[in-house]
Amino acid sequence: MISALCRCRQRGTSSRQLAYELWGQLWSNFDHAHLDAAAYRTGMNACVSSGRLEEAKELLVAMQAAGHVPESKTYNILIKGYARVGKRDGMEVMMQQMRAGGVPLTTTTYNTAMYAHARAGDMDKVCLGGGGVGGEDSCMYCVVYTCLVCIVFF
């Protein structure tokens, strides 16, 4: 239910706010030791969808403290949130944490980052290689996306 509310595309924030409130009830009334990684990701998504990035980061820390290893999709939730509000520095910190933890950066990771940099007009960060988002470990599908971003924004 919480995930479905987070994905709701209707105008306004009522469904996303409801998702956050439901997550808050679950979090406060449920033994955290029994939450799996998917439940933590659902909570992070509810936080990000309602604009509460710091709470989502706290859930990442709690998830790790509970012994769950974050995957690419876990970090991508936060990266998407930072990109959505234009906090590219937070997005890049998450990407650095992924690299440091040996978590692979995916096509979704790169595309989200490139889109955020393109929206900000920072084409140096969009370009692959040479200090851009992609660098040596970028994937070939991102090249196509980069071209599309360049066409749309410039």
N, C-alpha and C. Protein backbone atom coordinates (compact mmCIF):
# COMPACT_ATOMS: atom_id res chain seq x y z
N MET A 1 0.82 -1.18 0.00
CA MET A 1 0.00 0.00 0.00
C MET A 1 0.88 1.26 0.00
N ILE A 2 1.90 1.26 0.83
CA ILE A 2 2.77 2.44 0.92
C ILE A 2 3.48 2.67 -0.41
N SER A 3 3.98 1.61 -1.02
CA SER A 3 4.67 1.74 -2.31
C SER A 3 3.74 2.27 -3.39
N ALA A 4 2.52 1.78 -3.40
CA ALA A 4 1.55 2.23 -4.41
C ALA A 4 1.24 3.71 -4.23
N LEU A 5 1.11 4.17 -3.01
CA LEU A 5 0.85 5.58 -2.75
C LEU A 5 2.03 6.45 -3.17
N CYS A 6 3.24 5.95 -2.99
CA CYS A 6 4.44 6.69 -3.41
C CYS A 6 4.49 6.87 -4.92
N ARG A 7 3.97 5.89 -5.64
CA ARG A 7 4.01 5.94 -7.11
C ARG A 7 2.85 6.72 -7.70
N CYS A 8 1.88 7.10 -6.90
CA CYS A 8 0.70 7.80 -7.39
C CYS A 8 1.11 9.11 -8.04
N ARG A 9 0.65 9.35 -9.24
CA ARG A 9 1.07 10.52 -10.00
C ARG A 9 0.05 11.66 -9.99
N GLN A 10 -0.98 11.56 -9.17
CA GLN A 10 -1.97 12.64 -9.15
C GLN A 10 -1.34 13.92 -8.63
N ARG A 11 -1.93 15.04 -9.01
CA ARG A 11 -1.40 16.33 -8.57
C ARG A 11 -1.57 16.49 -7.07
N GLY A 12 -0.65 17.20 -6.49
CA GLY A 12 -0.69 17.42 -5.06
C GLY A 12 0.11 16.36 -4.34
N THR A 13 0.23 16.53 -3.07
CA THR A 13 1.06 15.64 -2.28
C THR A 13 0.25 14.75 -1.35
N SER A 14 -1.07 14.73 -1.49
CA SER A 14 -1.88 14.00 -0.52
C SER A 14 -1.55 12.51 -0.47
N SER A 15 -1.39 11.86 -1.61
CA SER A 15 -1.09 10.42 -1.60
C SER A 15 0.31 10.16 -1.05
N ARG A 16 1.25 11.00 -1.38
CA ARG A 16 2.61 10.83 -0.88
C ARG A 16 2.69 11.13 0.61
N GLN A 17 1.92 12.10 1.03
CA GLN A 17 1.87 12.41 2.46
C GLN A 17 1.24 11.25 3.22
N LEU A 18 0.20 10.66 2.65
CA LEU A 18 -0.44 9.51 3.28
C LEU A 18 0.53 8.33 3.36
N ALA A 19 1.32 8.13 2.30
CA ALA A 19 2.33 7.06 2.32
C ALA A 19 3.31 7.29 3.45
N TYR A 20 3.74 8.52 3.62
CA TYR A 20 4.68 8.84 4.69
C TYR A 20 4.04 8.60 6.06
N GLU A 21 2.80 9.01 6.22
CA GLU A 21 2.11 8.80 7.50
C GLU A 21 1.93 7.32 7.81
N LEU A 22 1.58 6.53 6.79
CA LEU A 22 1.44 5.09 7.00
C LEU A 22 2.78 4.47 7.40
N TRP A 23 3.84 4.91 6.72
CA TRP A 23 5.17 4.41 7.08
C TRP A 23 5.50 4.77 8.53
N GLY A 24 5.19 6.00 8.91
CA GLY A 24 5.45 6.45 10.28
C GLY A 24 4.73 5.59 11.31
N GLN A 25 3.51 5.20 11.01
CA GLN A 25 2.75 4.32 11.91
C GLN A 25 3.40 2.94 11.98
N LEU A 26 3.81 2.43 10.83
CA LEU A 26 4.47 1.13 10.81
C LEU A 26 5.77 1.19 11.62
N TRP A 27 6.55 2.23 11.40
CA TRP A 27 7.84 2.38 12.06
C TRP A 27 7.68 2.47 13.58
N SER A 28 6.68 3.22 14.03
CA SER A 28 6.53 3.41 15.47
C SER A 28 5.84 2.24 16.17
N ASN A 29 5.13 1.40 15.42
CA ASN A 29 4.38 0.32 16.05
C ASN A 29 4.92 -1.07 15.76
N PHE A 30 6.01 -1.17 15.04
CA PHE A 30 6.52 -2.47 14.63
C PHE A 30 7.92 -2.67 15.18
N ASP A 31 8.23 -3.87 15.55
CA ASP A 31 9.58 -4.19 16.03
C ASP A 31 10.55 -4.10 14.86
N HIS A 32 11.47 -3.15 14.93
CA HIS A 32 12.39 -2.89 13.81
C HIS A 32 13.26 -4.10 13.49
N ALA A 33 13.48 -4.95 14.44
CA ALA A 33 14.32 -6.13 14.22
C ALA A 33 13.70 -7.07 13.19
N HIS A 34 12.40 -6.96 12.97
CA HIS A 34 11.73 -7.85 12.03
C HIS A 34 11.55 -7.24 10.64
N LEU A 35 12.05 -6.04 10.45
CA LEU A 35 11.94 -5.41 9.14
C LEU A 35 13.02 -5.93 8.22
N ASP A 36 12.64 -6.24 6.99
CA ASP A 36 13.63 -6.68 6.01
C ASP A 36 14.08 -5.47 5.18
N ALA A 37 15.03 -5.72 4.29
CA ALA A 37 15.59 -4.62 3.47
C ALA A 37 14.52 -3.96 2.62
N ALA A 38 13.57 -4.75 2.11
CA ALA A 38 12.50 -4.18 1.27
C ALA A 38 11.64 -3.22 2.08
N ALA A 39 11.38 -3.53 3.33
CA ALA A 39 10.59 -2.64 4.18
C ALA A 39 11.33 -1.32 4.40
N TYR A 40 12.63 -1.41 4.63
CA TYR A 40 13.42 -0.19 4.79
C TYR A 40 13.38 0.65 3.51
N ARG A 41 13.51 0.00 2.36
CA ARG A 41 13.45 0.74 1.10
C ARG A 41 12.09 1.40 0.91
N THR A 42 11.03 0.71 1.30
CA THR A 42 9.69 1.28 1.21
C THR A 42 9.60 2.53 2.07
N GLY A 43 10.13 2.46 3.27
CA GLY A 43 10.15 3.62 4.15
C GLY A 43 10.96 4.76 3.57
N MET A 44 12.12 4.43 3.01
CA MET A 44 12.95 5.46 2.39
C MET A 44 12.20 6.13 1.24
N ASN A 45 11.52 5.32 0.45
CA ASN A 45 10.76 5.85 -0.67
C ASN A 45 9.64 6.77 -0.18
N ALA A 46 8.96 6.38 0.90
CA ALA A 46 7.90 7.23 1.46
C ALA A 46 8.48 8.56 1.95
N CYS A 47 9.63 8.50 2.57
CA CYS A 47 10.29 9.73 3.04
C CYS A 47 10.68 10.62 1.87
N VAL A 48 11.33 10.04 0.87
CA VAL A 48 11.78 10.81 -0.29
C VAL A 48 10.58 11.39 -1.04
N SER A 49 9.54 10.60 -1.22
CA SER A 49 8.36 11.06 -1.96
C SER A 49 7.68 12.25 -1.29
N SER A 50 7.82 12.34 0.02
CA SER A 50 7.20 13.45 0.74
C SER A 50 8.21 14.55 1.08
N GLY A 51 9.41 14.46 0.49
CA GLY A 51 10.40 15.51 0.64
C GLY A 51 11.23 15.46 1.91
N ARG A 52 11.27 14.31 2.55
CA ARG A 52 12.02 14.18 3.81
C ARG A 52 13.30 13.37 3.58
N LEU A 53 14.26 14.01 2.94
CA LEU A 53 15.50 13.34 2.56
C LEU A 53 16.34 12.94 3.77
N GLU A 54 16.39 13.79 4.76
CA GLU A 54 17.21 13.46 5.94
C GLU A 54 16.66 12.23 6.66
N GLU A 55 15.35 12.10 6.74
CA GLU A 55 14.76 10.91 7.36
C GLU A 55 15.07 9.67 6.53
N ALA A 56 15.08 9.82 5.22
CA ALA A 56 15.42 8.69 4.35
C ALA A 56 16.87 8.26 4.59
N LYS A 57 17.78 9.24 4.76
CA LYS A 57 19.17 8.91 5.06
C LYS A 57 19.29 8.21 6.40
N GLU A 58 18.50 8.65 7.37
CA GLU A 58 18.51 8.00 8.69
C GLU A 58 18.04 6.55 8.58
N LEU A 59 17.09 6.30 7.70
CA LEU A 59 16.63 4.92 7.50
C LEU A 59 17.72 4.07 6.85
N LEU A 60 18.52 4.67 5.97
CA LEU A 60 19.64 3.94 5.38
C LEU A 60 20.61 3.52 6.48
N VAL A 61 20.91 4.42 7.39
CA VAL A 61 21.80 4.12 8.51
C VAL A 61 21.19 3.03 9.40
N ALA A 62 19.90 3.15 9.68
CA ALA A 62 19.22 2.15 10.51
C ALA A 62 19.20 0.79 9.82
N MET A 63 19.02 0.80 8.52
CA MET A 63 19.02 -0.43 7.73
C MET A 63 20.38 -1.13 7.86
N GLN A 64 21.43 -0.36 7.72
CA GLN A 64 22.78 -0.93 7.83
C GLN A 64 23.04 -1.42 9.26
N ALA A 65 22.57 -0.67 10.25
CA ALA A 65 22.75 -1.07 11.65
C ALA A 65 22.01 -2.37 11.96
N ALA A 66 20.91 -2.60 11.23
CA ALA A 66 20.13 -3.83 11.42
C ALA A 66 20.76 -5.02 10.69
N GLY A 67 21.87 -4.77 9.99
CA GLY A 67 22.58 -5.86 9.34
C GLY A 67 22.23 -6.07 7.87
N HIS A 68 21.44 -5.17 7.31
CA HIS A 68 21.08 -5.29 5.89
C HIS A 68 22.11 -4.54 5.05
N VAL A 69 22.51 -5.12 3.95
CA VAL A 69 23.47 -4.50 3.05
C VAL A 69 22.71 -3.76 1.95
N PRO A 70 22.90 -2.45 1.85
CA PRO A 70 22.19 -1.69 0.82
C PRO A 70 22.63 -2.10 -0.58
N GLU A 71 21.67 -2.16 -1.47
CA GLU A 71 21.92 -2.47 -2.87
C GLU A 71 21.83 -1.19 -3.70
N SER A 72 22.06 -1.32 -4.98
CA SER A 72 21.96 -0.17 -5.87
C SER A 72 20.61 0.51 -5.75
N LYS A 73 19.54 -0.30 -5.74
CA LYS A 73 18.21 0.30 -5.70
C LYS A 73 17.96 1.07 -4.41
N THR A 74 18.64 0.68 -3.34
CA THR A 74 18.51 1.40 -2.07
C THR A 74 19.09 2.80 -2.22
N TYR A 75 20.31 2.88 -2.73
CA TYR A 75 20.94 4.18 -2.93
C TYR A 75 20.22 5.01 -3.98
N ASN A 76 19.70 4.35 -5.01
CA ASN A 76 19.01 5.08 -6.08
C ASN A 76 17.79 5.83 -5.57
N ILE A 77 17.15 5.33 -4.52
CA ILE A 77 16.02 6.04 -3.93
C ILE A 77 16.48 7.41 -3.44
N LEU A 78 17.58 7.43 -2.72
CA LEU A 78 18.12 8.70 -2.21
C LEU A 78 18.65 9.58 -3.34
N ILE A 79 19.31 8.97 -4.30
CA ILE A 79 19.85 9.74 -5.43
C ILE A 79 18.71 10.42 -6.18
N LYS A 80 17.63 9.70 -6.39
CA LYS A 80 16.46 10.27 -7.06
C LYS A 80 15.90 11.44 -6.25
N GLY A 81 15.84 11.27 -4.94
CA GLY A 81 15.33 12.34 -4.09
C GLY A 81 16.18 13.59 -4.15
N TYR A 82 17.49 13.41 -4.07
CA TYR A 82 18.39 14.57 -4.16
C TYR A 82 18.28 15.22 -5.53
N ALA A 83 18.20 14.42 -6.58
CA ALA A 83 18.09 14.96 -7.93
C ALA A 83 16.79 15.76 -8.08
N ARG A 84 15.72 15.24 -7.51
CA ARG A 84 14.41 15.88 -7.64
C ARG A 84 14.40 17.29 -7.05
N VAL A 85 15.12 17.48 -5.96
CA VAL A 85 15.12 18.80 -5.31
C VAL A 85 16.36 19.63 -5.67
N GLY A 86 17.17 19.14 -6.58
CA GLY A 86 18.32 19.89 -7.05
C GLY A 86 19.53 19.88 -6.13
N LYS A 87 19.56 18.96 -5.18
CA LYS A 87 20.72 18.85 -4.28
C LYS A 87 21.73 17.87 -4.87
N ARG A 88 22.44 18.37 -5.86
CA ARG A 88 23.37 17.51 -6.58
C ARG A 88 24.54 17.06 -5.72
N ASP A 89 24.92 17.86 -4.74
CA ASP A 89 26.02 17.46 -3.87
C ASP A 89 25.64 16.23 -3.04
N GLY A 90 24.41 16.18 -2.54
CA GLY A 90 23.95 15.01 -1.80
C GLY A 90 23.88 13.78 -2.68
N MET A 91 23.48 13.99 -3.92
CA MET A 91 23.42 12.91 -4.89
C MET A 91 24.82 12.34 -5.14
N GLU A 92 25.79 13.20 -5.27
CA GLU A 92 27.15 12.76 -5.53
C GLU A 92 27.75 12.06 -4.32
N VAL A 93 27.39 12.49 -3.11
CA VAL A 93 27.85 11.81 -1.90
C VAL A 93 27.32 10.38 -1.88
N MET A 94 26.07 10.21 -2.24
CA MET A 94 25.49 8.85 -2.28
C MET A 94 26.23 7.97 -3.30
N MET A 95 26.56 8.56 -4.45
CA MET A 95 27.29 7.81 -5.48
C MET A 95 28.69 7.44 -4.98
N GLN A 96 29.33 8.33 -4.23
CA GLN A 96 30.64 8.03 -3.66
C GLN A 96 30.53 6.90 -2.64
N GLN A 97 29.47 6.93 -1.83
CA GLN A 97 29.26 5.86 -0.86
C GLN A 97 29.05 4.52 -1.55
N MET A 98 28.34 4.56 -2.68
CA MET A 98 28.14 3.32 -3.43
C MET A 98 29.48 2.77 -3.90
N ARG A 99 30.28 3.63 -4.49
CA ARG A 99 31.59 3.18 -4.98
C ARG A 99 32.45 2.65 -3.83
N ALA A 100 32.47 3.37 -2.72
CA ALA A 100 33.29 2.97 -1.58
C ALA A 100 32.83 1.64 -1.00
N GLY A 101 31.54 1.39 -1.07
CA GLY A 101 31.00 0.14 -0.52
C GLY A 101 30.96 -1.00 -1.53
N GLY A 102 31.47 -0.75 -2.73
CA GLY A 102 31.47 -1.80 -3.74
C GLY A 102 30.11 -2.07 -4.34
N VAL A 103 29.20 -1.12 -4.20
CA VAL A 103 27.85 -1.26 -4.75
C VAL A 103 27.87 -0.72 -6.18
N PRO A 104 27.44 -1.53 -7.14
CA PRO A 104 27.53 -1.07 -8.54
C PRO A 104 26.58 0.09 -8.84
N LEU A 105 27.10 1.06 -9.57
CA LEU A 105 26.28 2.15 -10.06
C LEU A 105 25.59 1.64 -11.32
N THR A 106 24.30 1.78 -11.38
CA THR A 106 23.51 1.21 -12.47
C THR A 106 23.16 2.27 -13.51
N THR A 107 22.52 1.83 -14.56
CA THR A 107 22.03 2.76 -15.58
C THR A 107 21.11 3.79 -14.94
N THR A 108 20.26 3.34 -14.03
CA THR A 108 19.35 4.26 -13.33
C THR A 108 20.14 5.30 -12.54
N THR A 109 21.20 4.87 -11.88
CA THR A 109 22.03 5.80 -11.11
C THR A 109 22.60 6.88 -12.01
N TYR A 110 23.22 6.47 -13.10
CA TYR A 110 23.85 7.42 -14.02
C TYR A 110 22.82 8.33 -14.68
N ASN A 111 21.73 7.75 -15.15
CA ASN A 111 20.73 8.55 -15.84
C ASN A 111 20.11 9.59 -14.92
N THR A 112 19.85 9.22 -13.68
CA THR A 112 19.30 10.17 -12.71
C THR A 112 20.28 11.31 -12.47
N ALA A 113 21.54 10.97 -12.29
CA ALA A 113 22.57 11.99 -12.05
C ALA A 113 22.74 12.89 -13.27
N MET A 114 22.78 12.31 -14.45
CA MET A 114 22.95 13.13 -15.66
C MET A 114 21.77 14.06 -15.87
N TYR A 115 20.58 13.55 -15.61
CA TYR A 115 19.39 14.39 -15.75
C TYR A 115 19.45 15.57 -14.78
N ALA A 116 19.84 15.32 -13.54
CA ALA A 116 19.93 16.40 -12.55
C ALA A 116 20.96 17.44 -12.96
N HIS A 117 22.10 16.98 -13.46
CA HIS A 117 23.14 17.93 -13.89
C HIS A 117 22.68 18.70 -15.12
N ALA A 118 21.99 18.05 -16.03
CA ALA A 118 21.49 18.73 -17.22
C ALA A 118 20.44 19.78 -16.85
N ARG A 119 19.56 19.45 -15.91
CA ARG A 119 18.55 20.42 -15.46
C ARG A 119 19.22 21.65 -14.86
N ALA A 120 20.38 21.45 -14.25
CA ALA A 120 21.11 22.57 -13.64
C ALA A 120 21.99 23.29 -14.67
N GLY A 121 22.05 22.76 -15.90
CA GLY A 121 22.86 23.38 -16.94
C GLY A 121 24.34 23.08 -16.82
N ASP A 122 24.70 22.07 -16.07
CA ASP A 122 26.10 21.72 -15.85
C ASP A 122 26.51 20.59 -16.80
N MET A 123 26.77 20.96 -18.04
CA MET A 123 27.06 19.96 -19.06
C MET A 123 28.40 19.27 -18.84
N ASP A 124 29.32 19.91 -18.15
CA ASP A 124 30.59 19.24 -17.84
C ASP A 124 30.36 18.00 -17.00
N LYS A 125 29.38 18.05 -16.12
CA LYS A 125 29.08 16.89 -15.28
C LYS A 125 28.28 15.84 -16.04
N VAL A 126 27.55 16.26 -17.07
CA VAL A 126 26.74 15.32 -17.84
C VAL A 126 27.62 14.47 -18.74
N CYS A 127 28.63 15.09 -19.34
CA CYS A 127 29.47 14.38 -20.31
C CYS A 127 30.18 13.20 -19.66
N LEU A 128 30.21 12.12 -20.38
CA LEU A 128 30.88 10.91 -19.88
C LEU A 128 32.38 11.07 -19.98
N GLY A 129 33.07 10.43 -19.06
CA GLY A 129 34.52 10.48 -19.05
C GLY A 129 35.01 11.81 -18.49
N GLY A 130 36.30 11.93 -18.36
CA GLY A 130 36.91 13.19 -17.97
C GLY A 130 36.28 13.92 -16.81
N GLY A 131 35.97 13.22 -15.74
CA GLY A 131 35.41 13.88 -14.56
C GLY A 131 33.91 14.06 -14.59
N GLY A 132 33.26 13.58 -15.65
CA GLY A 132 31.81 13.66 -15.69
C GLY A 132 31.19 12.61 -14.79
N VAL A 133 29.91 12.48 -14.86
CA VAL A 133 29.18 11.52 -14.03
C VAL A 133 29.63 10.10 -14.33
N GLY A 134 29.80 9.79 -15.60
CA GLY A 134 30.07 8.42 -15.98
C GLY A 134 31.44 7.92 -15.59
N GLY A 135 32.46 8.59 -16.06
CA GLY A 135 33.81 8.14 -15.76
C GLY A 135 34.08 6.78 -16.36
N GLU A 136 35.06 6.09 -15.80
CA GLU A 136 35.49 4.81 -16.35
C GLU A 136 34.46 3.70 -16.20
N ASP A 137 33.66 3.75 -15.13
CA ASP A 137 32.75 2.65 -14.88
C ASP A 137 31.34 2.90 -15.41
N SER A 138 31.19 3.86 -16.32
CA SER A 138 29.87 4.14 -16.87
C SER A 138 29.45 3.06 -17.86
N CYS A 139 28.18 3.04 -18.15
CA CYS A 139 27.66 2.00 -19.06
C CYS A 139 27.29 2.62 -20.39
N MET A 140 27.28 1.81 -21.42
CA MET A 140 27.05 2.33 -22.76
C MET A 140 25.65 2.87 -22.95
N TYR A 141 24.66 2.37 -22.21
CA TYR A 141 23.29 2.86 -22.36
C TYR A 141 23.19 4.31 -21.93
N CYS A 142 24.05 4.73 -21.06
CA CYS A 142 24.03 6.12 -20.59
C CYS A 142 24.42 7.08 -21.70
N VAL A 143 25.21 6.64 -22.66
CA VAL A 143 25.62 7.50 -23.76
C VAL A 143 24.39 7.93 -24.55
N VAL A 144 23.49 6.99 -24.81
CA VAL A 144 22.26 7.31 -25.53
C VAL A 144 21.44 8.30 -24.72
N TYR A 145 21.32 8.06 -23.44
CA TYR A 145 20.55 8.96 -22.58
C TYR A 145 21.17 10.34 -22.55
N THR A 146 22.47 10.42 -22.49
CA THR A 146 23.17 11.71 -22.48
C THR A 146 22.82 12.48 -23.76
N CYS A 147 22.84 11.79 -24.89
CA CYS A 147 22.49 12.45 -26.15
C CYS A 147 21.07 12.99 -26.11
N LEU A 148 20.14 12.21 -25.57
CA LEU A 148 18.76 12.66 -25.47
C LEU A 148 18.63 13.85 -24.53
N VAL A 149 19.34 13.82 -23.43
CA VAL A 149 19.31 14.94 -22.49
C VAL A 149 19.83 16.20 -23.17
N CYS A 150 20.91 16.08 -23.92
CA CYS A 150 21.49 17.23 -24.61
C CYS A 150 20.51 17.81 -25.62
N ILE A 151 19.80 16.95 -26.32
CA ILE A 151 18.83 17.40 -27.31
C ILE A 151 17.67 18.13 -26.64
N VAL A 152 17.18 17.58 -25.55
CA VAL A 152 16.03 18.15 -24.86
C VAL A 152 16.37 19.47 -24.19
N PHE A 153 17.51 19.54 -23.53
CA PHE A 153 17.84 20.71 -22.74
C PHE A 153 18.62 21.77 -23.50
N PHE A 154 19.29 21.38 -24.56
CA PHE A 154 20.15 22.37 -25.23
C PHE A 154 19.83 22.38 -26.67
